[in-house]
C-alpha atoms as a PDB file:
ATOM      1  CA  UNK A   1      18.577  38.577  31.551  1.00  0.00           C
ATOM      2  CA  UNK A   2      16.791  38.287  28.859  1.00  0.00           C
ATOM      3  CA  UNK A   3      18.151  37.059  25.434  1.00  0.00           C
ATOM      4  CA  UNK A   4      16.141  38.757  23.325  1.00  0.00           C
ATOM      5  CA  UNK A   5      15.654  42.502  21.594  1.00  0.00           C
ATOM      6  CA  UNK A   6      13.073  44.618  20.362  1.00  0.00           C
ATOM      7  CA  UNK A   7      14.518  46.094  17.327  1.00  0.00           C
ATOM      8  CA  UNK A   8      13.351  48.318  14.358  1.00  0.00           C
ATOM      9  CA  UNK A   9      14.145  46.293  11.736  1.00  0.00           C
ATOM     10  CA  UNK A  10      14.771  47.297   8.055  1.00  0.00           C
ATOM     11  CA  UNK A  11      12.940  46.014   5.209  1.00  0.00           C
ATOM     12  CA  UNK A  12      15.538  44.986   2.698  1.00  0.00           C
ATOM     13  CA  UNK A  13      13.370  43.058  -0.112  1.00  0.00           C
ATOM     14  CA  UNK A  14       9.931  42.177   0.186  1.00  0.00           C
ATOM     15  CA  UNK A  15       8.620  40.257  -2.893  1.00  0.00           C
ATOM     16  CA  UNK A  16       5.756  37.797  -3.776  1.00  0.00           C
ATOM     17  CA  UNK A  17       7.114  34.252  -4.253  1.00  0.00           C
ATOM     18  CA  UNK A  18       4.129  32.072  -5.688  1.00  0.00           C
ATOM     19  CA  UNK A  19       0.559  31.580  -4.971  1.00  0.00           C
ATOM     20  CA  UNK A  20      -0.028  33.253  -1.311  1.00  0.00           C
ATOM     21  CA  UNK A  21       3.903  33.151  -0.114  1.00  0.00           C
ATOM     22  CA  UNK A  22       6.005  35.880   0.121  1.00  0.00           C
ATOM     23  CA  UNK A  23       9.514  36.501   1.076  1.00  0.00           C
ATOM     24  CA  UNK A  24      10.958  39.526   3.352  1.00  0.00           C
ATOM     25  CA  UNK A  25      14.567  40.130   4.035  1.00  0.00           C
ATOM     26  CA  UNK A  26      15.009  42.089   7.033  1.00  0.00           C
ATOM     27  CA  UNK A  27      17.790  43.904   8.460  1.00  0.00           C
ATOM     28  CA  UNK A  28      18.545  43.587  12.289  1.00  0.00           C
ATOM     29  CA  UNK A  29      22.093  43.837  13.323  1.00  0.00           C
ATOM     30  CA  UNK A  30      21.323  43.587  16.986  1.00  0.00           C
ATOM     31  CA  UNK A  31      18.809  40.547  16.950  1.00  0.00           C
ATOM     32  CA  UNK A  32      20.206  38.415  14.275  1.00  0.00           C
ATOM     33  CA  UNK A  33      23.762  37.522  15.246  1.00  0.00           C
ATOM     34  CA  UNK A  34      22.196  36.084  18.437  1.00  0.00           C
ATOM     35  CA  UNK A  35      19.785  33.724  16.792  1.00  0.00           C
ATOM     36  CA  UNK A  36      20.102  30.166  16.758  1.00  0.00           C
ATOM     37  CA  UNK A  37      18.673  27.241  14.723  1.00  0.00           C
ATOM     38  CA  UNK A  38      15.329  26.480  15.955  1.00  0.00           C
ATOM     39  CA  UNK A  39      14.522  29.827  16.907  1.00  0.00           C
ATOM     40  CA  UNK A  40      11.812  32.459  15.820  1.00  0.00           C
ATOM     41  CA  UNK A  41      10.946  36.327  16.024  1.00  0.00           C
ATOM     42  CA  UNK A  42       7.674  37.804  16.545  1.00  0.00           C
ATOM     43  CA  UNK A  43       7.412  40.459  13.837  1.00  0.00           C
ATOM     44  CA  UNK A  44       4.841  43.779  14.554  1.00  0.00           C
ATOM     45  CA  UNK A  45       3.207  44.333  11.443  1.00  0.00           C
ATOM     46  CA  UNK A  46       2.238  47.839  12.108  1.00  0.00           C
ATOM     47  CA  UNK A  47       0.665  50.857  14.538  1.00  0.00           C
ATOM     48  CA  UNK A  48      -2.642  50.923  12.595  1.00  0.00           C
ATOM     49  CA  UNK A  49      -3.024  47.363  12.360  1.00  0.00           C
ATOM     50  CA  UNK A  50      -3.827  44.191  14.312  1.00  0.00           C
ATOM     51  CA  UNK A  51      -2.325  44.251  18.050  1.00  0.00           C
ATOM     52  CA  UNK A  52      -0.740  40.971  18.189  1.00  0.00           C
ATOM     53  CA  UNK A  53       2.614  40.212  16.426  1.00  0.00           C
ATOM     54  CA  UNK A  54       3.180  37.380  13.992  1.00  0.00           C
ATOM     55  CA  UNK A  55       5.448  34.331  14.995  1.00  0.00           C
ATOM     56  CA  UNK A  56       7.600  33.908  11.864  1.00  0.00           C
ATOM     57  CA  UNK A  57      10.519  31.346  11.931  1.00  0.00           C
ATOM     58  CA  UNK A  58      13.348  32.518   9.378  1.00  0.00           C
ATOM     59  CA  UNK A  59      14.652  30.338   7.060  1.00  0.00           C
ATOM     60  CA  UNK A  60      18.029  31.710   6.956  1.00  0.00           C
ATOM     61  CA  UNK A  61      20.157  34.067   9.247  1.00  0.00           C
ATOM     62  CA  UNK A  62      23.345  35.652   7.902  1.00  0.00           C
ATOM     63  CA  UNK A  63      25.530  38.380   9.209  1.00  0.00           C
ATOM     64  CA  UNK A  64      22.583  41.147   9.963  1.00  0.00           C
ATOM     65  CA  UNK A  65      19.916  39.808   8.031  1.00  0.00           C
ATOM     66  CA  UNK A  66      17.462  37.238   7.794  1.00  0.00           C
ATOM     67  CA  UNK A  67      14.922  35.836   5.220  1.00  0.00           C
ATOM     68  CA  UNK A  68      11.379  35.067   6.154  1.00  0.00           C
ATOM     69  CA  UNK A  69       8.644  33.155   4.084  1.00  0.00           C
ATOM     70  CA  UNK A  70       5.324  33.960   5.177  1.00  0.00           C
ATOM     71  CA  UNK A  71       1.931  33.286   4.016  1.00  0.00           C
ATOM     72  CA  UNK A  72      -0.600  35.974   3.424  1.00  0.00           C
ATOM     73  CA  UNK A  73      -3.811  34.933   5.034  1.00  0.00           C
ATOM     74  CA  UNK A  74      -5.301  37.735   7.196  1.00  0.00           C
ATOM     75  CA  UNK A  75      -4.625  41.559   7.673  1.00  0.00           C
ATOM     76  CA  UNK A  76      -1.704  41.318   9.552  1.00  0.00           C
ATOM     77  CA  UNK A  77       0.316  39.473   6.950  1.00  0.00           C
ATOM     78  CA  UNK A  78      -1.466  41.539   4.197  1.00  0.00           C
ATOM     79  CA  UNK A  79       0.376  44.607   6.056  1.00  0.00           C
ATOM     80  CA  UNK A  80       3.524  42.730   5.745  1.00  0.00           C
ATOM     81  CA  UNK A  81       2.945  42.218   2.004  1.00  0.00           C
ATOM     82  CA  UNK A  82       2.466  45.764   1.345  1.00  0.00           C
ATOM     83  CA  UNK A  83       6.014  46.793   3.230  1.00  0.00           C
ATOM     84  CA  UNK A  84       8.512  48.322   1.030  1.00  0.00           C
ATOM     85  CA  UNK A  85      12.273  48.426   0.891  1.00  0.00           C
ATOM     86  CA  UNK A  86      13.433  51.044   3.431  1.00  0.00           C
ATOM     87  CA  UNK A  87      10.405  50.743   5.935  1.00  0.00           C
ATOM     88  CA  UNK A  88      10.900  49.436   9.675  1.00  0.00           C
ATOM     89  CA  UNK A  89       9.190  46.863  10.861  1.00  0.00           C
ATOM     90  CA  UNK A  90       9.513  46.022  14.919  1.00  0.00           C
ATOM     91  CA  UNK A  91      10.567  42.496  15.650  1.00  0.00           C
ATOM     92  CA  UNK A  92      11.106  40.890  19.137  1.00  0.00           C
ATOM     93  CA  UNK A  93      13.542  38.176  19.374  1.00  0.00           C
ATOM     94  CA  UNK A  94      15.273  35.849  19.029  1.00  0.00           C
ATOM     95  CA  UNK A  95      12.834  33.991  20.925  1.00  0.00           C
ATOM     96  CA  UNK A  96      12.252  30.044  21.653  1.00  0.00           C
ATOM     97  CA  UNK A  97      14.699  27.301  22.639  1.00  0.00           C
ATOM     98  CA  UNK A  98      17.447  26.465  20.124  1.00  0.00           C
ATOM     99  CA  UNK A  99      17.300  23.124  18.772  1.00  0.00           C
ATOM    100  CA  UNK A 100      20.199  21.034  20.028  1.00  0.00           C
ATOM    101  CA  UNK A 101      21.063  18.428  17.046  1.00  0.00           C
ATOM    102  CA  UNK A 102      22.000  15.251  18.407  1.00  0.00           C
ATOM    103  CA  UNK A 103      24.750  12.500  16.936  1.00  0.00           C
ATOM    104  CA  UNK A 104      23.423  10.239  14.191  1.00  0.00           C
ATOM    105  CA  UNK A 105      21.257  10.479  11.156  1.00  0.00           C
ATOM    106  CA  UNK A 106      18.770  13.333  10.941  1.00  0.00           C
ATOM    107  CA  UNK A 107      15.446  13.242   9.356  1.00  0.00           C
ATOM    108  CA  UNK A 108      13.515  16.641   8.501  1.00  0.00           C
ATOM    109  CA  UNK A 109      10.132  16.514   7.453  1.00  0.00           C
ATOM    110  CA  UNK A 110       8.213  19.866   6.407  1.00  0.00           C
ATOM    111  CA  UNK A 111       5.263  21.207   4.365  1.00  0.00           C
ATOM    112  CA  UNK A 112       4.545  24.442   2.914  1.00  0.00           C
ATOM    113  CA  UNK A 113       5.848  27.610   4.992  1.00  0.00           C
ATOM    114  CA  UNK A 114       6.275  25.009   7.803  1.00  0.00           C
ATOM    115  CA  UNK A 115       9.492  23.833   6.187  1.00  0.00           C
ATOM    116  CA  UNK A 116      11.234  26.736   6.504  1.00  0.00           C
ATOM    117  CA  UNK A 117      12.426  26.471  10.532  1.00  0.00           C
ATOM    118  CA  UNK A 118      14.204  23.171   9.115  1.00  0.00           C
ATOM    119  CA  UNK A 119      16.566  24.735   7.005  1.00  0.00           C
ATOM    120  CA  UNK A 120      19.020  26.053   9.773  1.00  0.00           C
ATOM    121  CA  UNK A 121      18.832  22.728  11.701  1.00  0.00           C
ATOM    122  CA  UNK A 122      19.865  20.948   8.411  1.00  0.00           C
ATOM    123  CA  UNK A 123      22.871  23.443   8.262  1.00  0.00           C
ATOM    124  CA  UNK A 124      23.696  23.225  11.896  1.00  0.00           C
ATOM    125  CA  UNK A 125      23.627  19.310  11.475  1.00  0.00           C
ATOM    126  CA  UNK A 126      25.922  19.323   8.462  1.00  0.00           C
ATOM    127  CA  UNK A 127      28.618  21.401  10.122  1.00  0.00           C
ATOM    128  CA  UNK A 128      28.734  18.788  12.812  1.00  0.00           C
ATOM    129  CA  UNK A 129      29.284  15.788  10.235  1.00  0.00           C
ATOM    130  CA  UNK A 130      25.998  14.355  10.605  1.00  0.00           C
ATOM    131  CA  UNK A 131      24.014  13.010   7.888  1.00  0.00           C
ATOM    132  CA  UNK A 132      20.713  14.518   6.993  1.00  0.00           C
ATOM    133  CA  UNK A 133      17.568  13.541   4.741  1.00  0.00           C
ATOM    134  CA  UNK A 134      14.642  15.983   3.891  1.00  0.00           C
ATOM    135  CA  UNK A 135      11.252  15.301   3.171  1.00  0.00           C
ATOM    136  CA  UNK A 136       9.404  18.381   1.412  1.00  0.00           C
ATOM    137  CA  UNK A 137       5.698  18.562   0.779  1.00  0.00           C
ATOM    138  CA  UNK A 138       3.915  21.244  -0.766  1.00  0.00           C
ATOM    139  CA  UNK A 139       0.514  21.731  -3.280  1.00  0.00           C
ATOM    140  CA  UNK A 140       2.829  22.280  -6.012  1.00  0.00           C
ATOM    141  CA  UNK A 141       6.535  22.765  -7.079  1.00  0.00           C
ATOM    142  CA  UNK A 142       6.922  26.802  -6.635  1.00  0.00           C
ATOM    143  CA  UNK A 143       6.127  25.938  -3.080  1.00  0.00           C
ATOM    144  CA  UNK A 144       8.953  23.673  -2.267  1.00  0.00           C
ATOM    145  CA  UNK A 145      10.499  26.555  -0.549  1.00  0.00           C
ATOM    146  CA  UNK A 146      14.442  26.623  -0.471  1.00  0.00           C
ATOM    147  CA  UNK A 147      14.491  23.499  -2.429  1.00  0.00           C
ATOM    148  CA  UNK A 148      18.325  23.935  -3.692  1.00  0.00           C
ATOM    149  CA  UNK A 149      19.317  24.919   0.232  1.00  0.00           C
ATOM    150  CA  UNK A 150      17.870  21.720   1.414  1.00  0.00           C
ATOM    151  CA  UNK A 151      19.573  19.433  -1.265  1.00  0.00           C
ATOM    152  CA  UNK A 152      22.866  21.289  -0.450  1.00  0.00           C
ATOM    153  CA  UNK A 153      22.773  19.587   3.139  1.00  0.00           C
ATOM    154  CA  UNK A 154      22.092  15.802   1.658  1.00  0.00           C
ATOM    155  CA  UNK A 155      19.061  13.691   0.300  1.00  0.00           C
ATOM    156  CA  UNK A 156      15.972  15.518  -0.358  1.00  0.00           C
ATOM    157  CA  UNK A 157      12.588  13.345  -1.475  1.00  0.00           C
ATOM    158  CA  UNK A 158       9.818  15.784  -2.612  1.00  0.00           C
ATOM    159  CA  UNK A 159       5.814  15.345  -2.996  1.00  0.00           C
ATOM    160  CA  UNK A 160       3.321  17.567  -4.198  1.00  0.00           C
ATOM    161  CA  UNK A 161      -0.296  17.272  -4.162  1.00  0.00           C
ATOM    162  CA  UNK A 162      -0.709  18.094  -7.643  1.00  0.00           C
ATOM    163  CA  UNK A 163       1.536  15.440  -8.935  1.00  0.00           C
ATOM    164  CA  UNK A 164       0.529  12.379  -6.270  1.00  0.00           C
ATOM    165  CA  UNK A 165      -2.851  13.404  -4.802  1.00  0.00           C
ATOM    166  CA  UNK A 166      -3.860  11.384  -1.856  1.00  0.00           C
ATOM    167  CA  UNK A 167       0.018  10.735  -0.806  1.00  0.00           C
ATOM    168  CA  UNK A 168       2.035  11.662   1.769  1.00  0.00           C
ATOM    169  CA  UNK A 169       5.875  12.697   2.097  1.00  0.00           C
ATOM    170  CA  UNK A 170       5.890  10.344   5.077  1.00  0.00           C
ATOM    171  CA  UNK A 171       5.027   7.591   2.996  1.00  0.00           C
ATOM    172  CA  UNK A 172       8.392   7.696   1.427  1.00  0.00           C
ATOM    173  CA  UNK A 173      10.287   8.018   4.893  1.00  0.00           C
ATOM    174  CA  UNK A 174       7.724   4.824   6.058  1.00  0.00           C
ATOM    175  CA  UNK A 175       9.152   2.607   3.014  1.00  0.00           C
ATOM    176  CA  UNK A 176      12.894   3.742   4.022  1.00  0.00           C
ATOM    177  CA  UNK A 177      12.306   2.652   7.467  1.00  0.00           C
ATOM    178  CA  UNK A 178      10.986  -0.540   6.266  1.00  0.00           C
ATOM    179  CA  UNK A 179      14.196  -1.120   4.106  1.00  0.00           C
ATOM    180  CA  UNK A 180      16.215  -0.443   7.284  1.00  0.00           C
ATOM    181  CA  UNK A 181      17.163   3.048   7.529  1.00  0.00           C
ATOM    182  CA  UNK A 182      17.447   4.523  10.926  1.00  0.00           C
ATOM    183  CA  UNK A 183      17.365   8.002  11.933  1.00  0.00           C
ATOM    184  CA  UNK A 184      18.141   8.979  15.449  1.00  0.00           C
ATOM    185  CA  UNK A 185      15.897  11.902  15.107  1.00  0.00           C
ATOM    186  CA  UNK A 186      13.125  13.118  13.221  1.00  0.00           C
ATOM    187  CA  UNK A 187      11.788  16.569  12.949  1.00  0.00           C
ATOM    188  CA  UNK A 188       8.463  17.271  11.654  1.00  0.00           C
ATOM    189  CA  UNK A 189       7.198  20.760  10.800  1.00  0.00           C
ATOM    190  CA  UNK A 190       4.085  22.402   8.908  1.00  0.00           C
ATOM    191  CA  UNK A 191       0.991  20.179   9.069  1.00  0.00           C
ATOM    192  CA  UNK A 192      -0.768  18.094  11.589  1.00  0.00           C
ATOM    193  CA  UNK A 193      -1.452  15.106   9.582  1.00  0.00           C
ATOM    194  CA  UNK A 194       2.419  14.619   8.919  1.00  0.00           C
ATOM    195  CA  UNK A 195       2.953  14.670  12.620  1.00  0.00           C
ATOM    196  CA  UNK A 196       0.272  12.258  13.292  1.00  0.00           C
ATOM    197  CA  UNK A 197       2.221   9.954  10.525  1.00  0.00           C
ATOM    198  CA  UNK A 198       5.506  10.392  12.075  1.00  0.00           C
ATOM    199  CA  UNK A 199       4.063   9.749  15.786  1.00  0.00           C
ATOM    200  CA  UNK A 200       3.114   6.175  14.320  1.00  0.00           C
ATOM    201  CA  UNK A 201       6.374   5.680  12.549  1.00  0.00           C
ATOM    202  CA  UNK A 202       8.033   6.639  16.018  1.00  0.00           C
ATOM    203  CA  UNK A 203       5.893   3.992  18.210  1.00  0.00           C
ATOM    204  CA  UNK A 204       6.954   1.458  15.665  1.00  0.00           C
ATOM    205  CA  UNK A 205      10.624   2.143  15.226  1.00  0.00           C
ATOM    206  CA  UNK A 206      11.689   3.787  18.002  1.00  0.00           C
ATOM    207  CA  UNK A 207      13.410   6.870  16.844  1.00  0.00           C
ATOM    208  CA  UNK A 208      13.263  10.330  18.866  1.00  0.00           C
ATOM    209  CA  UNK A 209      10.823  12.777  17.005  1.00  0.00           C
ATOM    210  CA  UNK A 210       9.987  16.110  17.579  1.00  0.00           C
ATOM    211  CA  UNK A 211       7.776  18.788  16.248  1.00  0.00           C
ATOM    212  CA  UNK A 212       7.768  22.286  15.429  1.00  0.00           C
ATOM    213  CA  UNK A 213       4.588  23.794  16.735  1.00  0.00           C
ATOM    214  CA  UNK A 214       2.937  26.678  14.757  1.00  0.00           C
ATOM    215  CA  UNK A 215       0.079  27.704  17.097  1.00  0.00           C
ATOM    216  CA  UNK A 216      -0.702  31.269  17.267  1.00  0.00           C
ATOM    217  CA  UNK A 217       1.401  33.011  20.154  1.00  0.00           C
ATOM    218  CA  UNK A 218       0.136  36.460  21.729  1.00  0.00           C
ATOM    219  CA  UNK A 219       3.124  37.658  23.390  1.00  0.00           C
ATOM    220  CA  UNK A 220       6.159  35.107  22.374  1.00  0.00           C
ATOM    221  CA  UNK A 221       7.968  35.599  25.491  1.00  0.00           C
ATOM    222  CA  UNK A 222       5.829  33.883  28.543  1.00  0.00           C
ATOM    223  CA  UNK A 223       4.102  36.737  29.983  1.00  0.00           C
ATOM    224  CA  UNK A 224       0.545  35.416  28.453  1.00  0.00           C
ATOM    225  CA  UNK A 225       0.927  32.073  29.380  1.00  0.00           C
ATOM    226  CA  UNK A 226      -1.443  31.338  26.354  1.00  0.00           C
ATOM    227  CA  UNK A 227       0.563  28.868  24.383  1.00  0.00           C
ATOM    228  CA  UNK A 228       0.617  26.185  26.699  1.00  0.00           C
ATOM    229  CA  UNK A 229       0.478  22.701  25.032  1.00  0.00           C
ATOM    230  CA  UNK A 230      -0.066  19.019  25.903  1.00  0.00           C
ATOM    231  CA  UNK A 231       0.165  17.237  29.243  1.00  0.00           C
ATOM    232  CA  UNK A 232       2.976  18.967  30.498  1.00  0.00           C
ATOM    233  CA  UNK A 233       1.433  22.454  29.677  1.00  0.00           C
ATOM    234  CA  UNK A 234       4.848  23.545  27.769  1.00  0.00           C
ATOM    235  CA  UNK A 235       4.926  26.921  26.643  1.00  0.00           C
ATOM    236  CA  UNK A 236       5.461  26.909  22.555  1.00  0.00           C
ATOM    237  CA  UNK A 237       7.269  30.452  23.097  1.00  0.00           C
ATOM    238  CA  UNK A 238       9.812  29.207  25.709  1.00  0.00           C
ATOM    239  CA  UNK A 239       9.830  25.629  25.801  1.00  0.00           C
ATOM    240  CA  UNK A 240       9.309  25.188  22.199  1.00  0.00           C
ATOM    241  CA  UNK A 241       8.879  25.957  19.225  1.00  0.00           C
ATOM    242  CA  UNK A 242      10.387  22.577  18.910  1.00  0.00           C
ATOM    243  CA  UNK A 243       9.006  19.879  21.366  1.00  0.00           C
ATOM    244  CA  UNK A 244       8.772  16.465  21.796  1.00  0.00           C
ATOM    245  CA  UNK A 245       6.100  14.920  19.222  1.00  0.00           C
ATOM    246  CA  UNK A 246       4.575  12.610  21.908  1.00  0.00           C
ATOM    247  CA  UNK A 247       3.615  15.865  23.747  1.00  0.00           C
ATOM    248  CA  UNK A 248       1.910  17.315  20.685  1.00  0.00           C
ATOM    249  CA  UNK A 249       0.096  14.414  19.057  1.00  0.00           C
ATOM    250  CA  UNK A 250      -1.827  12.493  21.939  1.00  0.00           C
END
């Protein structure tokens, strides 16, 4: 039996956050209570617009609602930005494989809207008694999304392009590793250059590294087989969206 729903979700609020980033709260009483950390939803942006839905990883699930940050880059997300409170958007989900938090210190690395799937993982890890360090990167400070939420889960280290051009937030992680700190698992999301940097550190220090993959998915439910990735031909929508970093960065 499938574990996902197709539901007409009601827009509770939809507001511009900063630059090209928006924040939408959707009410989906059938789908949201089933969602777990690491899963995502496909959002149908409108009957008169693009055919393909958009994959969205909520930053927070609570009761019957979920918060979604999204970047306006094309007609589909422009339609999302035009949605008003009370409108309905069809959502498909929850989709993908939940991320299983393992025992031991956890490091989370995210950039831009790519950092949003990491907060539910941080919350899950803390609820299990694990320590969490988060490394966040963005173009500027307003785009360090949900910074206070991450700070509630553990130590947070930030980098912005306007304050430290030419650096990567993974440089801070590299220093911590050189000083002797050892995570059991590192999860990276939001930028391929960060994934490549973490892969180099994984090979050097031997921790387990995972990546949230953001390649476009056509259906999100495994029918089209269009999101296969890596030498194992993993389907992002079913085996992911978190996959072993070694299968993503080859």
